[in-house]
Amino acid sequence: HRIIGGKHVVAVVSGGIRVDTHDLAGRNAVRTDTDGVMAG
């Protein structure tokens, strides 16, 4: 993997596996923490 600009992660995996990230990266899966939970 490589971190670009301190916030973008580019990862490459190989070796007989299949990863379907569509559900993990969809609009509904990524949300902004407006309650401050992550900062805490």
All heavy atoms as atom14 arrays in JSON, in Angstrom:
{
  "sequence": "HRIIGGKHVVAVVSGGIRVDTHDLAGRNAVRTDTDGVMAG",
  "atom14_mask": [
    [1, 1, 1, 1, 1, 1, 1, 1, 1, 1, 0, 0, 0, 0],
    [1, 1, 1, 1, 1, 1, 1, 1, 1, 1, 1, 0, 0, 0],
    [1, 1, 1, 1, 1, 1, 1, 1, 0, 0, 0, 0, 0, 0],
    [1, 1, 1, 1, 1, 1, 1, 1, 0, 0, 0, 0, 0, 0],
    [1, 1, 1, 1, 0, 0, 0, 0, 0, 0, 0, 0, 0, 0],
    [1, 1, 1, 1, 0, 0, 0, 0, 0, 0, 0, 0, 0, 0],
    [1, 1, 1, 1, 1, 1, 1, 1, 1, 0, 0, 0, 0, 0],
    [1, 1, 1, 1, 1, 1, 1, 1, 1, 1, 0, 0, 0, 0],
    [1, 1, 1, 1, 1, 1, 1, 0, 0, 0, 0, 0, 0, 0],
    [1, 1, 1, 1, 1, 1, 1, 0, 0, 0, 0, 0, 0, 0],
    [1, 1, 1, 1, 1, 0, 0, 0, 0, 0, 0, 0, 0, 0],
    [1, 1, 1, 1, 1, 1, 1, 0, 0, 0, 0, 0, 0, 0],
    [1, 1, 1, 1, 1, 1, 1, 0, 0, 0, 0, 0, 0, 0],
    [1, 1, 1, 1, 1, 1, 0, 0, 0, 0, 0, 0, 0, 0],
    [1, 1, 1, 1, 0, 0, 0, 0, 0, 0, 0, 0, 0, 0],
    [1, 1, 1, 1, 0, 0, 0, 0, 0, 0, 0, 0, 0, 0],
    [1, 1, 1, 1, 1, 1, 1, 1, 0, 0, 0, 0, 0, 0],
    [1, 1, 1, 1, 1, 1, 1, 1, 1, 1, 1, 0, 0, 0],
    [1, 1, 1, 1, 1, 1, 1, 0, 0, 0, 0, 0, 0, 0],
    [1, 1, 1, 1, 1, 1, 1, 1, 0, 0, 0, 0, 0, 0],
    [1, 1, 1, 1, 1, 1, 1, 0, 0, 0, 0, 0, 0, 0],
    [1, 1, 1, 1, 1, 1, 1, 1, 1, 1, 0, 0, 0, 0],
    [1, 1, 1, 1, 1, 1, 1, 1, 0, 0, 0, 0, 0, 0],
    [1, 1, 1, 1, 1, 1, 1, 1, 0, 0, 0, 0, 0, 0],
    [1, 1, 1, 1, 1, 0, 0, 0, 0, 0, 0, 0, 0, 0],
    [1, 1, 1, 1, 0, 0, 0, 0, 0, 0, 0, 0, 0, 0],
    [1, 1, 1, 1, 1, 1, 1, 1, 1, 1, 1, 0, 0, 0],
    [1, 1, 1, 1, 1, 1, 1, 1, 0, 0, 0, 0, 0, 0],
    [1, 1, 1, 1, 1, 0, 0, 0, 0, 0, 0, 0, 0, 0],
    [1, 1, 1, 1, 1, 1, 1, 0, 0, 0, 0, 0, 0, 0],
    [1, 1, 1, 1, 1, 1, 1, 1, 1, 1, 1, 0, 0, 0],
    [1, 1, 1, 1, 1, 1, 1, 0, 0, 0, 0, 0, 0, 0],
    [1, 1, 1, 1, 1, 1, 1, 1, 0, 0, 0, 0, 0, 0],
    [1, 1, 1, 1, 1, 1, 1, 0, 0, 0, 0, 0, 0, 0],
    [1, 1, 1, 1, 1, 1, 1, 1, 0, 0, 0, 0, 0, 0],
    [1, 1, 1, 1, 0, 0, 0, 0, 0, 0, 0, 0, 0, 0],
    [1, 1, 1, 1, 1, 1, 1, 0, 0, 0, 0, 0, 0, 0],
    [1, 1, 1, 1, 1, 1, 1, 1, 0, 0, 0, 0, 0, 0],
    [1, 1, 1, 1, 1, 0, 0, 0, 0, 0, 0, 0, 0, 0],
    [1, 1, 1, 1, 0, 0, 0, 0, 0, 0, 0, 0, 0, 0]
  ],
  "atom14_positions": [
    [[0.83, -1.2, 0.0], [0.0, 0.0, 0.0], [0.87, 1.25, 0.0], [2.06, 1.2, 0.29], [-0.94, 0.02, 1.22], [-0.24, 0.4, 2.48], [0.59, -0.46, 3.16], [-0.24, 1.56, 3.17], [1.07, 0.15, 4.22], [0.59, 1.38, 4.26], [0.0, 0.0, 0.0], [0.0, 0.0, 0.0], [0.0, 0.0, 0.0], [0.0, 0.0, 0.0]],
    [[0.24, 2.35, -0.34], [0.9, 3.64, -0.34], [-0.12, 4.68, 0.11], [-1.27, 4.63, -0.29], [1.39, 3.98, -1.74], [2.11, 5.31, -1.8], [2.95, 5.39, -3.0], [3.88, 4.28, -2.93], [5.11, 4.31, -3.34], [5.58, 5.38, -3.88], [5.9, 3.27, -3.26], [0.0, 0.0, 0.0], [0.0, 0.0, 0.0], [0.0, 0.0, 0.0]],
    [[0.32, 5.6, 0.95], [-0.55, 6.69, 1.41], [-0.15, 7.93, 0.62], [1.02, 8.32, 0.61], [-0.41, 6.92, 2.92], [-0.82, 5.64, 3.66], [-1.25, 8.11, 3.35], [-0.6, 5.68, 5.15], [0.0, 0.0, 0.0], [0.0, 0.0, 0.0], [0.0, 0.0, 0.0], [0.0, 0.0, 0.0], [0.0, 0.0, 0.0], [0.0, 0.0, 0.0]],
    [[-1.12, 8.53, -0.04], [-0.86, 9.67, -0.89], [-1.48, 10.91, -0.26], [-2.67, 10.92, 0.06], [-1.45, 9.44, -2.3], [-0.82, 8.2, -2.91], [-1.22, 10.66, -3.18], [-1.47, 7.74, -4.18], [0.0, 0.0, 0.0], [0.0, 0.0, 0.0], [0.0, 0.0, 0.0], [0.0, 0.0, 0.0], [0.0, 0.0, 0.0], [0.0, 0.0, 0.0]],
    [[-0.68, 11.93, -0.08], [-1.17, 13.18, 0.47], [-1.66, 13.07, 1.9], [-2.44, 13.89, 2.34], [0.0, 0.0, 0.0], [0.0, 0.0, 0.0], [0.0, 0.0, 0.0], [0.0, 0.0, 0.0], [0.0, 0.0, 0.0], [0.0, 0.0, 0.0], [0.0, 0.0, 0.0], [0.0, 0.0, 0.0], [0.0, 0.0, 0.0], [0.0, 0.0, 0.0]],
    [[-1.24, 12.05, 2.62], [-1.62, 11.9, 4.01], [-3.04, 11.44, 4.25], [-3.45, 11.27, 5.39], [0.0, 0.0, 0.0], [0.0, 0.0, 0.0], [0.0, 0.0, 0.0], [0.0, 0.0, 0.0], [0.0, 0.0, 0.0], [0.0, 0.0, 0.0], [0.0, 0.0, 0.0], [0.0, 0.0, 0.0], [0.0, 0.0, 0.0], [0.0, 0.0, 0.0]],
    [[-3.83, 11.23, 3.18], [-5.22, 10.83, 3.41], [-5.76, 9.82, 2.43], [-6.79, 9.22, 2.68], [-6.12, 12.06, 3.44], [-6.15, 12.85, 2.15], [-7.05, 14.06, 2.28], [-7.04, 14.89, 1.02], [-7.94, 16.02, 1.13], [0.0, 0.0, 0.0], [0.0, 0.0, 0.0], [0.0, 0.0, 0.0], [0.0, 0.0, 0.0], [0.0, 0.0, 0.0]],
    [[-5.1, 9.57, 1.31], [-5.59, 8.6, 0.33], [-4.73, 7.35, 0.43], [-3.51, 7.42, 0.38], [-5.51, 9.16, -1.09], [-6.34, 10.39, -1.29], [-7.7, 10.36, -1.36], [-5.99, 11.69, -1.4], [-8.17, 11.57, -1.53], [-7.14, 12.41, -1.54], [0.0, 0.0, 0.0], [0.0, 0.0, 0.0], [0.0, 0.0, 0.0], [0.0, 0.0, 0.0]],
    [[-5.37, 6.19, 0.58], [-4.67, 4.92, 0.66], [-4.92, 4.15, -0.62], [-6.07, 3.93, -1.01], [-5.14, 4.08, 1.87], [-4.42, 2.75, 1.91], [-4.93, 4.85, 3.16], [0.0, 0.0, 0.0], [0.0, 0.0, 0.0], [0.0, 0.0, 0.0], [0.0, 0.0, 0.0], [0.0, 0.0, 0.0], [0.0, 0.0, 0.0], [0.0, 0.0, 0.0]],
    [[-3.85, 3.76, -1.28], [-3.93, 2.92, -2.47], [-3.34, 1.58, -2.07], [-2.19, 1.51, -1.63], [-3.14, 3.53, -3.65], [-3.2, 2.61, -4.85], [-3.69, 4.9, -4.0], [0.0, 0.0, 0.0], [0.0, 0.0, 0.0], [0.0, 0.0, 0.0], [0.0, 0.0, 0.0], [0.0, 0.0, 0.0], [0.0, 0.0, 0.0], [0.0, 0.0, 0.0]],
    [[-4.12, 0.53, -2.19], [-3.66, -0.81, -1.79], [-3.8, -1.77, -2.95], [-4.75, -1.69, -3.73], [-4.46, -1.31, -0.6], [0.0, 0.0, 0.0], [0.0, 0.0, 0.0], [0.0, 0.0, 0.0], [0.0, 0.0, 0.0], [0.0, 0.0, 0.0], [0.0, 0.0, 0.0], [0.0, 0.0, 0.0], [0.0, 0.0, 0.0], [0.0, 0.0, 0.0]],
    [[-2.84, -2.68, -3.06], [-2.86, -3.72, -4.08], [-2.69, -5.05, -3.37], [-1.78, -5.22, -2.56], [-1.73, -3.51, -5.1], [-1.73, -4.62, -6.13], [-1.86, -2.16, -5.78], [0.0, 0.0, 0.0], [0.0, 0.0, 0.0], [0.0, 0.0, 0.0], [0.0, 0.0, 0.0], [0.0, 0.0, 0.0], [0.0, 0.0, 0.0], [0.0, 0.0, 0.0]],
    [[-3.58, -5.98, -3.66], [-3.51, -7.32, -3.08], [-3.55, -8.31, -4.22], [-4.35, -8.18, -5.14], [-4.71, -7.58, -2.13], [-4.6, -8.97, -1.52], [-4.77, -6.53, -1.04], [0.0, 0.0, 0.0], [0.0, 0.0, 0.0], [0.0, 0.0, 0.0], [0.0, 0.0, 0.0], [0.0, 0.0, 0.0], [0.0, 0.0, 0.0], [0.0, 0.0, 0.0]],
    [[-2.68, -9.29, -4.19], [-2.73, -10.35, -5.19], [-2.44, -11.68, -4.52], [-1.87, -11.73, -3.45], [-1.72, -10.09, -6.32], [-0.41, -10.2, -5.83], [0.0, 0.0, 0.0], [0.0, 0.0, 0.0], [0.0, 0.0, 0.0], [0.0, 0.0, 0.0], [0.0, 0.0, 0.0], [0.0, 0.0, 0.0], [0.0, 0.0, 0.0], [0.0, 0.0, 0.0]],
    [[-2.89, -12.73, -5.15], [-2.59, -14.04, -4.61], [-3.8, -14.93, -4.43], [-3.97, -15.54, -3.39], [0.0, 0.0, 0.0], [0.0, 0.0, 0.0], [0.0, 0.0, 0.0], [0.0, 0.0, 0.0], [0.0, 0.0, 0.0], [0.0, 0.0, 0.0], [0.0, 0.0, 0.0], [0.0, 0.0, 0.0], [0.0, 0.0, 0.0], [0.0, 0.0, 0.0]],
    [[-4.65, -15.0, -5.4], [-5.74, -15.97, -5.35], [-6.9, -15.58, -4.48], [-7.6, -16.44, -3.95], [0.0, 0.0, 0.0], [0.0, 0.0, 0.0], [0.0, 0.0, 0.0], [0.0, 0.0, 0.0], [0.0, 0.0, 0.0], [0.0, 0.0, 0.0], [0.0, 0.0, 0.0], [0.0, 0.0, 0.0], [0.0, 0.0, 0.0], [0.0, 0.0, 0.0]],
    [[-7.12, -14.3, -4.29], [-8.26, -13.87, -3.51], [-9.11, -12.93, -4.34], [-8.66, -12.38, -5.34], [-7.84, -13.16, -2.2], [-7.06, -11.89, -2.52], [-7.04, -14.08, -1.31], [-6.85, -11.02, -1.33], [0.0, 0.0, 0.0], [0.0, 0.0, 0.0], [0.0, 0.0, 0.0], [0.0, 0.0, 0.0], [0.0, 0.0, 0.0], [0.0, 0.0, 0.0]],
    [[-10.33, -12.74, -3.93], [-11.22, -11.81, -4.62], [-11.8, -10.88, -3.57], [-12.32, -11.32, -2.56], [-12.35, -12.56, -5.31], [-13.29, -11.66, -6.07], [-14.36, -12.49, -6.77], [-15.25, -11.66, -7.54], [-16.31, -11.04, -7.04], [-16.61, -11.16, -5.78], [-17.07, -10.3, -7.8], [0.0, 0.0, 0.0], [0.0, 0.0, 0.0], [0.0, 0.0, 0.0]],
    [[-11.68, -9.58, -3.8], [-12.2, -8.59, -2.88], [-13.17, -7.71, -3.65], [-12.81, -7.11, -4.66], [-11.08, -7.72, -2.28], [-11.65, -6.66, -1.37], [-10.07, -8.58, -1.55], [0.0, 0.0, 0.0], [0.0, 0.0, 0.0], [0.0, 0.0, 0.0], [0.0, 0.0, 0.0], [0.0, 0.0, 0.0], [0.0, 0.0, 0.0], [0.0, 0.0, 0.0]],
    [[-14.4, -7.66, -3.18], [-15.4, -6.8, -3.8], [-15.68, -5.66, -2.84], [-16.36, -5.82, -1.83], [-16.68, -7.58, -4.08], [-17.71, -6.76, -4.82], [-17.43, -5.59, -5.15], [-18.81, -7.27, -5.06], [0.0, 0.0, 0.0], [0.0, 0.0, 0.0], [0.0, 0.0, 0.0], [0.0, 0.0, 0.0], [0.0, 0.0, 0.0], [0.0, 0.0, 0.0]],
    [[-15.12, -4.49, -3.14], [-15.23, -3.34, -2.23], [-16.38, -2.41, -2.58], [-16.53, -1.36, -1.96], [-13.92, -2.53, -2.24], [-13.68, -2.09, -3.58], [-12.75, -3.37, -1.75], [0.0, 0.0, 0.0], [0.0, 0.0, 0.0], [0.0, 0.0, 0.0], [0.0, 0.0, 0.0], [0.0, 0.0, 0.0], [0.0, 0.0, 0.0], [0.0, 0.0, 0.0]],
    [[-17.18, -2.79, -3.55], [-18.26, -1.92, -4.0], [-19.16, -1.49, -2.84], [-19.47, -0.31, -2.69], [-19.08, -2.62, -5.08], [-20.11, -1.73, -5.68], [-21.39, -1.65, -5.19], [-20.04, -0.88, -6.71], [-22.07, -0.78, -5.91], [-21.28, -0.29, -6.85], [0.0, 0.0, 0.0], [0.0, 0.0, 0.0], [0.0, 0.0, 0.0], [0.0, 0.0, 0.0]],
    [[-19.58, -2.42, -2.0], [-20.46, -2.08, -0.88], [-19.74, -1.26, 0.19], [-20.37, -0.49, 0.92], [-21.03, -3.34, -0.25], [-22.0, -4.06, -1.18], [-22.52, -3.4, -2.11], [-22.22, -5.26, -0.98], [0.0, 0.0, 0.0], [0.0, 0.0, 0.0], [0.0, 0.0, 0.0], [0.0, 0.0, 0.0], [0.0, 0.0, 0.0], [0.0, 0.0, 0.0]],
    [[-18.42, -1.42, 0.31], [-17.67, -0.7, 1.33], [-17.37, 0.74, 0.95], [-17.12, 1.58, 1.81], [-16.35, -1.42, 1.62], [-16.47, -2.84, 2.14], [-15.1, -3.47, 2.23], [-17.16, -2.86, 3.49], [0.0, 0.0, 0.0], [0.0, 0.0, 0.0], [0.0, 0.0, 0.0], [0.0, 0.0, 0.0], [0.0, 0.0, 0.0], [0.0, 0.0, 0.0]],
    [[-17.36, 1.04, -0.34], [-16.98, 2.36, -0.78], [-18.13, 3.14, -1.42], [-17.92, 4.22, -1.94], [-15.83, 2.26, -1.78], [0.0, 0.0, 0.0], [0.0, 0.0, 0.0], [0.0, 0.0, 0.0], [0.0, 0.0, 0.0], [0.0, 0.0, 0.0], [0.0, 0.0, 0.0], [0.0, 0.0, 0.0], [0.0, 0.0, 0.0], [0.0, 0.0, 0.0]],
    [[-19.32, 2.61, -1.36], [-20.47, 3.3, -1.95], [-20.82, 4.57, -1.17], [-20.35, 4.8, -0.06], [0.0, 0.0, 0.0], [0.0, 0.0, 0.0], [0.0, 0.0, 0.0], [0.0, 0.0, 0.0], [0.0, 0.0, 0.0], [0.0, 0.0, 0.0], [0.0, 0.0, 0.0], [0.0, 0.0, 0.0], [0.0, 0.0, 0.0], [0.0, 0.0, 0.0]],
    [[-21.65, 5.41, -1.75], [-22.03, 6.67, -1.11], [-22.63, 6.47, 0.28], [-22.38, 7.24, 1.18], [-23.05, 7.4, -1.96], [-22.45, 8.31, -2.95], [-23.51, 9.21, -3.55], [-23.02, 9.75, -4.78], [-22.23, 10.81, -4.85], [-21.88, 11.43, -3.75], [-21.79, 11.24, -5.99], [0.0, 0.0, 0.0], [0.0, 0.0, 0.0], [0.0, 0.0, 0.0]],
    [[-23.42, 5.43, 0.45], [-24.08, 5.19, 1.75], [-23.14, 4.59, 2.78], [-23.43, 4.62, 3.97], [-25.3, 4.29, 1.56], [-26.36, 4.96, 0.71], [-26.48, 6.19, 0.71], [-27.12, 4.17, -0.02], [0.0, 0.0, 0.0], [0.0, 0.0, 0.0], [0.0, 0.0, 0.0], [0.0, 0.0, 0.0], [0.0, 0.0, 0.0], [0.0, 0.0, 0.0]],
    [[-22.02, 4.02, 2.35], [-21.1, 3.37, 3.28], [-20.12, 4.36, 3.92], [-19.62, 4.12, 5.0], [-20.33, 2.26, 2.58], [0.0, 0.0, 0.0], [0.0, 0.0, 0.0], [0.0, 0.0, 0.0], [0.0, 0.0, 0.0], [0.0, 0.0, 0.0], [0.0, 0.0, 0.0], [0.0, 0.0, 0.0], [0.0, 0.0, 0.0], [0.0, 0.0, 0.0]],
    [[-19.84, 5.47, 3.26], [-18.89, 6.45, 3.77], [-19.67, 7.68, 4.22], [-20.37, 8.31, 3.43], [-17.86, 6.83, 2.67], [-16.88, 7.86, 3.19], [-17.14, 5.59, 2.18], [0.0, 0.0, 0.0], [0.0, 0.0, 0.0], [0.0, 0.0, 0.0], [0.0, 0.0, 0.0], [0.0, 0.0, 0.0], [0.0, 0.0, 0.0], [0.0, 0.0, 0.0]],
    [[-19.52, 8.0, 5.51], [-20.26, 9.13, 6.06], [-19.3, 10.04, 6.82], [-18.3, 9.61, 7.36], [-21.35, 8.62, 7.01], [-22.39, 7.77, 6.33], [-23.52, 7.42, 7.29], [-23.08, 6.81, 8.53], [-23.05, 5.5, 8.75], [-23.45, 4.67, 7.83], [-22.66, 5.04, 9.92], [0.0, 0.0, 0.0], [0.0, 0.0, 0.0], [0.0, 0.0, 0.0]],
    [[-19.66, 11.31, 6.92], [-18.89, 12.28, 7.68], [-19.34, 12.24, 9.13], [-20.54, 12.19, 9.42], [-19.12, 13.7, 7.12], [-18.72, 13.7, 5.75], [-18.32, 14.73, 7.88], [0.0, 0.0, 0.0], [0.0, 0.0, 0.0], [0.0, 0.0, 0.0], [0.0, 0.0, 0.0], [0.0, 0.0, 0.0], [0.0, 0.0, 0.0], [0.0, 0.0, 0.0]],
    [[-18.37, 12.22, 10.05], [-18.69, 12.2, 11.48], [-19.04, 13.61, 11.93], [-18.15, 14.41, 12.23], [-17.5, 11.65, 12.26], [-17.73, 11.66, 13.76], [-18.91, 11.7, 14.19], [-16.75, 11.63, 14.52], [0.0, 0.0, 0.0], [0.0, 0.0, 0.0], [0.0, 0.0, 0.0], [0.0, 0.0, 0.0], [0.0, 0.0, 0.0], [0.0, 0.0, 0.0]],
    [[-20.3, 13.92, 11.98], [-20.74, 15.25, 12.41], [-20.95, 15.34, 13.92], [-21.14, 16.42, 14.45], [-22.06, 15.62, 11.7], [-23.03, 14.61, 11.99], [-21.87, 15.74, 10.19], [0.0, 0.0, 0.0], [0.0, 0.0, 0.0], [0.0, 0.0, 0.0], [0.0, 0.0, 0.0], [0.0, 0.0, 0.0], [0.0, 0.0, 0.0], [0.0, 0.0, 0.0]],
    [[-20.91, 14.19, 14.62], [-21.12, 14.18, 16.07], [-19.83, 14.24, 16.87], [-19.85, 14.32, 18.09], [-21.89, 12.92, 16.47], [-23.25, 12.84, 15.8], [-23.86, 13.9, 15.59], [-23.67, 11.72, 15.46], [0.0, 0.0, 0.0], [0.0, 0.0, 0.0], [0.0, 0.0, 0.0], [0.0, 0.0, 0.0], [0.0, 0.0, 0.0], [0.0, 0.0, 0.0]],
    [[-18.67, 14.15, 16.2], [-17.39, 14.2, 16.9], [-16.97, 12.9, 17.56], [-16.05, 12.88, 18.36], [0.0, 0.0, 0.0], [0.0, 0.0, 0.0], [0.0, 0.0, 0.0], [0.0, 0.0, 0.0], [0.0, 0.0, 0.0], [0.0, 0.0, 0.0], [0.0, 0.0, 0.0], [0.0, 0.0, 0.0], [0.0, 0.0, 0.0], [0.0, 0.0, 0.0]],
    [[-17.62, 11.8, 17.21], [-17.28, 10.5, 17.81], [-15.86, 10.09, 17.45], [-15.09, 9.66, 18.31], [-18.3, 9.42, 17.37], [-17.88, 8.04, 17.87], [-19.69, 9.77, 17.86], [0.0, 0.0, 0.0], [0.0, 0.0, 0.0], [0.0, 0.0, 0.0], [0.0, 0.0, 0.0], [0.0, 0.0, 0.0], [0.0, 0.0, 0.0], [0.0, 0.0, 0.0]],
    [[-15.48, 10.24, 16.19], [-14.15, 9.83, 15.76], [-13.06, 10.68, 16.42], [-12.01, 10.17, 16.79], [-14.02, 9.91, 14.23], [-14.91, 8.9, 13.51], [-14.59, 7.2, 13.99], [-12.97, 6.96, 13.37], [0.0, 0.0, 0.0], [0.0, 0.0, 0.0], [0.0, 0.0, 0.0], [0.0, 0.0, 0.0], [0.0, 0.0, 0.0], [0.0, 0.0, 0.0]],
    [[-13.29, 11.97, 16.55], [-12.31, 12.82, 17.21], [-12.1, 12.39, 18.65], [-10.98, 12.36, 19.16], [-12.74, 14.29, 17.15], [0.0, 0.0, 0.0], [0.0, 0.0, 0.0], [0.0, 0.0, 0.0], [0.0, 0.0, 0.0], [0.0, 0.0, 0.0], [0.0, 0.0, 0.0], [0.0, 0.0, 0.0], [0.0, 0.0, 0.0], [0.0, 0.0, 0.0]],
    [[-13.18, 12.03, 19.35], [-13.08, 11.54, 20.72], [-12.32, 10.23, 20.8], [-11.5, 10.03, 21.69], [0.0, 0.0, 0.0], [0.0, 0.0, 0.0], [0.0, 0.0, 0.0], [0.0, 0.0, 0.0], [0.0, 0.0, 0.0], [0.0, 0.0, 0.0], [0.0, 0.0, 0.0], [0.0, 0.0, 0.0], [0.0, 0.0, 0.0], [0.0, 0.0, 0.0]]
  ]
}
